[in-house]
Amino acid sequence: MSSIQYRWLAVIGLVAGVVGWAANFFLSENGYPAPVLSSVALVAIILVAGATLFLGLRVRSWRNGRRDRNLDPLAAARTVVLAQALAYAGALLLGWHAAIFLTQLPLWSLRPGHAGTWSALAVSVGGILMIATGLIVERFCKLPPVDKDGTGPGSGGGAGNGTVNGTGDGSGDGGEYA
């Protein structure tokens, strides 16, 4: 499984920004409101980011040696995938809503306190939260590097050899996931 690509986060954010700007321009020219999620969506963003962080903390505690219970390898893999999806979705939301916020900002003097502008700003901050949480949780799920001579972190036998279920050679390079 590959890591989150920062380049793709930037591309997704930029493309979403251009499309958001174009959609906002078209809709505002035709008398429609700005196409932003309401501030209530921020609650859903916080809940999803919190759940992802909780799952990531469970994997991190197992990775750091607290192994009173076995870690299901499928649950760990799902946590990594959830973290990556969260980061990419955050880039999409950030790009779209930041572009709309920037196009609404010059109108601030005409209509201060406009709800669409505040919603766009709130969801943009939520997108940043999603990206940060995704990157942090992905890092939580990476296994520490193992020295070739078997003296580094994660070396040894059984469940502490740098693998999820205690099988394998434990020769991870730090790029493997729990």
C-alpha atoms as a PDB file:
ATOM      1  CA  MET A   1       0.000   0.000   0.000  1.00  0.00           C
ATOM      2  CA  SER A   2       1.420   3.388  -0.934  1.00  0.00           C
ATOM      3  CA  SER A   3       1.554   6.502   1.205  1.00  0.00           C
ATOM      4  CA  ILE A   4      -0.456   9.666   0.705  1.00  0.00           C
ATOM      5  CA  GLN A   5       1.035  11.610  -2.174  1.00  0.00           C
ATOM      6  CA  TYR A   6       1.341  15.318  -1.320  1.00  0.00           C
ATOM      7  CA  ARG A   7       1.379  16.065  -5.025  1.00  0.00           C
ATOM      8  CA  TRP A   8      -2.059  14.479  -5.421  1.00  0.00           C
ATOM      9  CA  LEU A   9      -3.382  16.421  -2.445  1.00  0.00           C
ATOM     10  CA  ALA A  10      -2.274  19.624  -4.156  1.00  0.00           C
ATOM     11  CA  VAL A  11      -3.690  18.589  -7.538  1.00  0.00           C
ATOM     12  CA  ILE A  12      -7.043  17.629  -6.008  1.00  0.00           C
ATOM     13  CA  GLY A  13      -7.177  20.903  -4.087  1.00  0.00           C
ATOM     14  CA  LEU A  14      -6.319  23.000  -7.140  1.00  0.00           C
ATOM     15  CA  VAL A  15      -8.750  21.227  -9.463  1.00  0.00           C
ATOM     16  CA  ALA A  16     -11.523  21.448  -6.872  1.00  0.00           C
ATOM     17  CA  GLY A  17     -10.701  25.129  -6.424  1.00  0.00           C
ATOM     18  CA  VAL A  18     -10.968  25.867 -10.141  1.00  0.00           C
ATOM     19  CA  VAL A  19     -14.225  23.928 -10.443  1.00  0.00           C
ATOM     20  CA  GLY A  20     -15.602  25.576  -7.289  1.00  0.00           C
ATOM     21  CA  TRP A  21     -14.686  29.008  -8.573  1.00  0.00           C
ATOM     22  CA  ALA A  22     -16.345  28.295 -11.948  1.00  0.00           C
ATOM     23  CA  ALA A  23     -19.483  26.882 -10.305  1.00  0.00           C
ATOM     24  CA  ASN A  24     -19.721  29.854  -7.953  1.00  0.00           C
ATOM     25  CA  PHE A  25     -19.220  32.303 -10.824  1.00  0.00           C
ATOM     26  CA  PHE A  26     -21.902  30.652 -12.952  1.00  0.00           C
ATOM     27  CA  LEU A  27     -24.393  30.336 -10.118  1.00  0.00           C
ATOM     28  CA  SER A  28     -23.900  33.842  -8.751  1.00  0.00           C
ATOM     29  CA  GLU A  29     -24.246  35.332 -12.248  1.00  0.00           C
ATOM     30  CA  ASN A  30     -27.616  33.586 -12.559  1.00  0.00           C
ATOM     31  CA  GLY A  31     -28.890  34.674  -9.144  1.00  0.00           C
ATOM     32  CA  TYR A  32     -28.265  31.489  -7.169  1.00  0.00           C
ATOM     33  CA  PRO A  33     -26.556  31.309  -3.777  1.00  0.00           C
ATOM     34  CA  ALA A  34     -22.969  30.177  -3.320  1.00  0.00           C
ATOM     35  CA  PRO A  35     -22.596  26.374  -3.589  1.00  0.00           C
ATOM     36  CA  VAL A  36     -21.189  25.734  -0.106  1.00  0.00           C
ATOM     37  CA  LEU A  37     -21.918  23.155   2.532  1.00  0.00           C
ATOM     38  CA  SER A  38     -23.645  24.512   5.594  1.00  0.00           C
ATOM     39  CA  SER A  39     -21.798  24.969   8.853  1.00  0.00           C
ATOM     40  CA  VAL A  40     -23.607  21.869  10.115  1.00  0.00           C
ATOM     41  CA  ALA A  41     -21.347  19.846   7.798  1.00  0.00           C
ATOM     42  CA  LEU A  42     -18.501  20.914  10.058  1.00  0.00           C
ATOM     43  CA  VAL A  43     -20.001  18.716  12.792  1.00  0.00           C
ATOM     44  CA  ALA A  44     -19.847  15.695  10.476  1.00  0.00           C
ATOM     45  CA  ILE A  45     -16.274  16.573   9.515  1.00  0.00           C
ATOM     46  CA  ILE A  46     -15.245  16.750  13.170  1.00  0.00           C
ATOM     47  CA  LEU A  47     -16.958  13.435  13.957  1.00  0.00           C
ATOM     48  CA  VAL A  48     -15.306  11.593  11.061  1.00  0.00           C
ATOM     49  CA  ALA A  49     -11.900  13.089  11.845  1.00  0.00           C
ATOM     50  CA  GLY A  50     -12.328  12.172  15.521  1.00  0.00           C
ATOM     51  CA  ALA A  51     -13.295   8.588  14.712  1.00  0.00           C
ATOM     52  CA  THR A  52     -10.314   8.251  12.382  1.00  0.00           C
ATOM     53  CA  LEU A  53      -8.004   9.649  15.046  1.00  0.00           C
ATOM     54  CA  PHE A  54      -9.415   7.219  17.623  1.00  0.00           C
ATOM     55  CA  LEU A  55      -8.779   4.240  15.343  1.00  0.00           C
ATOM     56  CA  GLY A  56      -5.312   5.532  14.548  1.00  0.00           C
ATOM     57  CA  LEU A  57      -4.467   5.874  18.237  1.00  0.00           C
ATOM     58  CA  ARG A  58      -5.418   2.226  18.770  1.00  0.00           C
ATOM     59  CA  VAL A  59      -3.031   1.152  16.015  1.00  0.00           C
ATOM     60  CA  ARG A  60      -0.291   3.450  17.335  1.00  0.00           C
ATOM     61  CA  SER A  61      -0.565   2.085  20.872  1.00  0.00           C
ATOM     62  CA  TRP A  62      -0.243  -1.472  19.504  1.00  0.00           C
ATOM     63  CA  ARG A  63       2.709  -0.434  17.328  1.00  0.00           C
ATOM     64  CA  ASN A  64       4.457   1.185  20.291  1.00  0.00           C
ATOM     65  CA  GLY A  65       4.396  -2.014  22.325  1.00  0.00           C
ATOM     66  CA  ARG A  66       1.076  -2.104  24.152  1.00  0.00           C
ATOM     67  CA  ARG A  67      -0.020  -5.499  22.933  1.00  0.00           C
ATOM     68  CA  ASP A  68      -2.427  -6.755  25.571  1.00  0.00           C
ATOM     69  CA  ARG A  69      -4.817  -7.548  22.710  1.00  0.00           C
ATOM     70  CA  ASN A  70      -4.103  -8.701  19.185  1.00  0.00           C
ATOM     71  CA  LEU A  71      -4.509  -6.134  16.445  1.00  0.00           C
ATOM     72  CA  ASP A  72      -6.583  -7.358  13.544  1.00  0.00           C
ATOM     73  CA  PRO A  73      -4.485  -6.779  10.416  1.00  0.00           C
ATOM     74  CA  LEU A  74      -7.606  -6.008   8.405  1.00  0.00           C
ATOM     75  CA  ALA A  75      -8.668  -3.358  10.936  1.00  0.00           C
ATOM     76  CA  ALA A  76      -5.206  -1.778  10.736  1.00  0.00           C
ATOM     77  CA  ALA A  77      -5.338  -1.753   6.933  1.00  0.00           C
ATOM     78  CA  ARG A  78      -8.805  -0.228   7.005  1.00  0.00           C
ATOM     79  CA  THR A  79      -7.546   2.470   9.348  1.00  0.00           C
ATOM     80  CA  VAL A  80      -4.797   3.400   6.883  1.00  0.00           C
ATOM     81  CA  VAL A  81      -7.260   3.486   4.002  1.00  0.00           C
ATOM     82  CA  LEU A  82      -9.671   5.613   6.054  1.00  0.00           C
ATOM     83  CA  ALA A  83      -6.862   8.035   6.892  1.00  0.00           C
ATOM     84  CA  GLN A  84      -5.863   8.343   3.249  1.00  0.00           C
ATOM     85  CA  ALA A  85      -9.462   8.836   2.135  1.00  0.00           C
ATOM     86  CA  LEU A  86      -9.915  11.473   4.823  1.00  0.00           C
ATOM     87  CA  ALA A  87      -6.876  13.405   3.602  1.00  0.00           C
ATOM     88  CA  TYR A  88      -7.953  13.310  -0.042  1.00  0.00           C
ATOM     89  CA  ALA A  89     -11.544  14.287   0.817  1.00  0.00           C
ATOM     90  CA  GLY A  90     -10.167  17.114   2.944  1.00  0.00           C
ATOM     91  CA  ALA A  91      -8.154  18.389  -0.030  1.00  0.00           C
ATOM     92  CA  LEU A  92     -11.306  18.338  -2.131  1.00  0.00           C
ATOM     93  CA  LEU A  93     -13.337  20.255   0.450  1.00  0.00           C
ATOM     94  CA  LEU A  94     -10.523  22.710   1.108  1.00  0.00           C
ATOM     95  CA  GLY A  95     -10.020  23.506  -2.573  1.00  0.00           C
ATOM     96  CA  TRP A  96     -13.720  23.951  -3.332  1.00  0.00           C
ATOM     97  CA  HIS A  97     -14.613  26.036  -0.300  1.00  0.00           C
ATOM     98  CA  ALA A  98     -11.420  28.116  -0.216  1.00  0.00           C
ATOM     99  CA  ALA A  99     -12.051  29.189  -3.817  1.00  0.00           C
ATOM    100  CA  ILE A 100     -15.628  30.138  -2.998  1.00  0.00           C
ATOM    101  CA  PHE A 101     -14.498  31.988   0.133  1.00  0.00           C
ATOM    102  CA  LEU A 102     -11.959  33.976  -1.879  1.00  0.00           C
ATOM    103  CA  THR A 103     -14.552  34.899  -4.528  1.00  0.00           C
ATOM    104  CA  GLN A 104     -17.065  35.943  -1.850  1.00  0.00           C
ATOM    105  CA  LEU A 105     -14.542  37.985   0.134  1.00  0.00           C
ATOM    106  CA  PRO A 106     -14.618  41.103  -2.112  1.00  0.00           C
ATOM    107  CA  LEU A 107     -18.379  41.276  -1.520  1.00  0.00           C
ATOM    108  CA  TRP A 108     -17.832  41.440   2.245  1.00  0.00           C
ATOM    109  CA  SER A 109     -18.128  45.245   2.275  1.00  0.00           C
ATOM    110  CA  LEU A 110     -21.546  45.013   0.600  1.00  0.00           C
ATOM    111  CA  ARG A 111     -22.947  42.254   2.813  1.00  0.00           C
ATOM    112  CA  PRO A 112     -20.939  41.773   5.991  1.00  0.00           C
ATOM    113  CA  GLY A 113     -21.680  38.631   7.942  1.00  0.00           C
ATOM    114  CA  HIS A 114     -22.928  36.736   4.880  1.00  0.00           C
ATOM    115  CA  ALA A 115     -23.671  33.161   5.962  1.00  0.00           C
ATOM    116  CA  GLY A 116     -22.275  31.611   2.770  1.00  0.00           C
ATOM    117  CA  THR A 117     -18.924  33.274   3.302  1.00  0.00           C
ATOM    118  CA  TRP A 118     -18.690  32.061   6.897  1.00  0.00           C
ATOM    119  CA  SER A 119     -19.766  28.556   5.870  1.00  0.00           C
ATOM    120  CA  ALA A 120     -17.112  28.447   3.168  1.00  0.00           C
ATOM    121  CA  LEU A 121     -14.477  29.523   5.677  1.00  0.00           C
ATOM    122  CA  ALA A 122     -15.648  26.990   8.286  1.00  0.00           C
ATOM    123  CA  VAL A 123     -15.642  24.073   5.845  1.00  0.00           C
ATOM    124  CA  SER A 124     -12.218  25.168   4.528  1.00  0.00           C
ATOM    125  CA  VAL A 125     -10.875  24.929   8.078  1.00  0.00           C
ATOM    126  CA  GLY A 126     -12.602  21.537   8.331  1.00  0.00           C
ATOM    127  CA  GLY A 127     -10.786  20.450   5.160  1.00  0.00           C
ATOM    128  CA  ILE A 128      -7.471  21.433   6.728  1.00  0.00           C
ATOM    129  CA  LEU A 129      -8.451  19.408   9.820  1.00  0.00           C
ATOM    130  CA  MET A 130      -9.247  16.399   7.634  1.00  0.00           C
ATOM    131  CA  ILE A 131      -5.932  16.591   5.783  1.00  0.00           C
ATOM    132  CA  ALA A 132      -3.954  16.934   9.007  1.00  0.00           C
ATOM    133  CA  THR A 133      -5.800  14.071  10.688  1.00  0.00           C
ATOM    134  CA  GLY A 134      -5.320  11.815   7.671  1.00  0.00           C
ATOM    135  CA  LEU A 135      -1.585  12.507   7.537  1.00  0.00           C
ATOM    136  CA  ILE A 136      -1.159  12.002  11.288  1.00  0.00           C
ATOM    137  CA  VAL A 137      -3.121   8.751  11.386  1.00  0.00           C
ATOM    138  CA  GLU A 138      -1.256   7.404   8.383  1.00  0.00           C
ATOM    139  CA  ARG A 139       1.997   8.083  10.238  1.00  0.00           C
ATOM    140  CA  PHE A 140       0.574   6.315  13.327  1.00  0.00           C
ATOM    141  CA  CYS A 141       0.056   3.192  11.238  1.00  0.00           C
ATOM    142  CA  LYS A 142       3.593   2.961   9.838  1.00  0.00           C
ATOM    143  CA  LEU A 143       5.816   0.332  11.384  1.00  0.00           C
ATOM    144  CA  PRO A 144       9.166   1.535  12.726  1.00  0.00           C
ATOM    145  CA  PRO A 145      12.267   0.570  10.744  1.00  0.00           C
ATOM    146  CA  VAL A 146      14.092  -2.601  11.741  1.00  0.00           C
ATOM    147  CA  ASP A 147      17.875  -2.906  11.669  1.00  0.00           C
ATOM    148  CA  LYS A 148      19.279  -5.674   9.489  1.00  0.00           C
ATOM    149  CA  ASP A 149      21.131  -7.152  12.482  1.00  0.00           C
ATOM    150  CA  GLY A 150      17.911  -7.409  14.482  1.00  0.00           C
ATOM    151  CA  THR A 151      18.847  -4.939  17.237  1.00  0.00           C
ATOM    152  CA  GLY A 152      16.626  -2.009  16.256  1.00  0.00           C
ATOM    153  CA  PRO A 153      13.055  -1.168  17.228  1.00  0.00           C
ATOM    154  CA  GLY A 154      10.596  -3.870  16.341  1.00  0.00           C
ATOM    155  CA  SER A 155      13.204  -6.623  16.345  1.00  0.00           C
ATOM    156  CA  GLY A 156      12.760  -9.841  18.234  1.00  0.00           C
ATOM    157  CA  GLY A 157      10.425 -12.724  17.914  1.00  0.00           C
ATOM    158  CA  GLY A 158       6.696 -13.168  18.082  1.00  0.00           C
ATOM    159  CA  ALA A 159       4.321 -10.254  17.909  1.00  0.00           C
ATOM    160  CA  GLY A 160       7.091  -7.710  18.422  1.00  0.00           C
ATOM    161  CA  ASN A 161       8.974  -8.332  15.199  1.00  0.00           C
ATOM    162  CA  GLY A 162       7.473  -5.461  13.253  1.00  0.00           C
ATOM    163  CA  THR A 163       4.573  -7.375  11.758  1.00  0.00           C
ATOM    164  CA  VAL A 164       0.906  -7.304  12.619  1.00  0.00           C
ATOM    165  CA  ASN A 165       0.321 -10.928  13.425  1.00  0.00           C
ATOM    166  CA  GLY A 166       3.798 -12.002  14.517  1.00  0.00           C
ATOM    167  CA  THR A 167       4.625 -13.754  11.256  1.00  0.00           C
ATOM    168  CA  GLY A 168       7.131 -12.633   8.669  1.00  0.00           C
ATOM    169  CA  ASP A 169      10.772 -11.758   8.785  1.00  0.00           C
ATOM    170  CA  GLY A 170      10.440  -8.390  10.529  1.00  0.00           C
ATOM    171  CA  SER A 171      12.716  -6.691   8.053  1.00  0.00           C
ATOM    172  CA  GLY A 172      10.460  -3.733   7.378  1.00  0.00           C
ATOM    173  CA  ASP A 173      12.042  -0.498   6.223  1.00  0.00           C
ATOM    174  CA  GLY A 174       9.628   1.787   8.041  1.00  0.00           C
ATOM    175  CA  GLY A 175       7.447   2.092   4.954  1.00  0.00           C
ATOM    176  CA  GLU A 176       5.220  -0.804   5.899  1.00  0.00           C
ATOM    177  CA  TYR A 177       1.919  -0.376   7.665  1.00  0.00           C
ATOM    178  CA  ALA A 178       0.785  -2.041  10.850  1.00  0.00           C
END
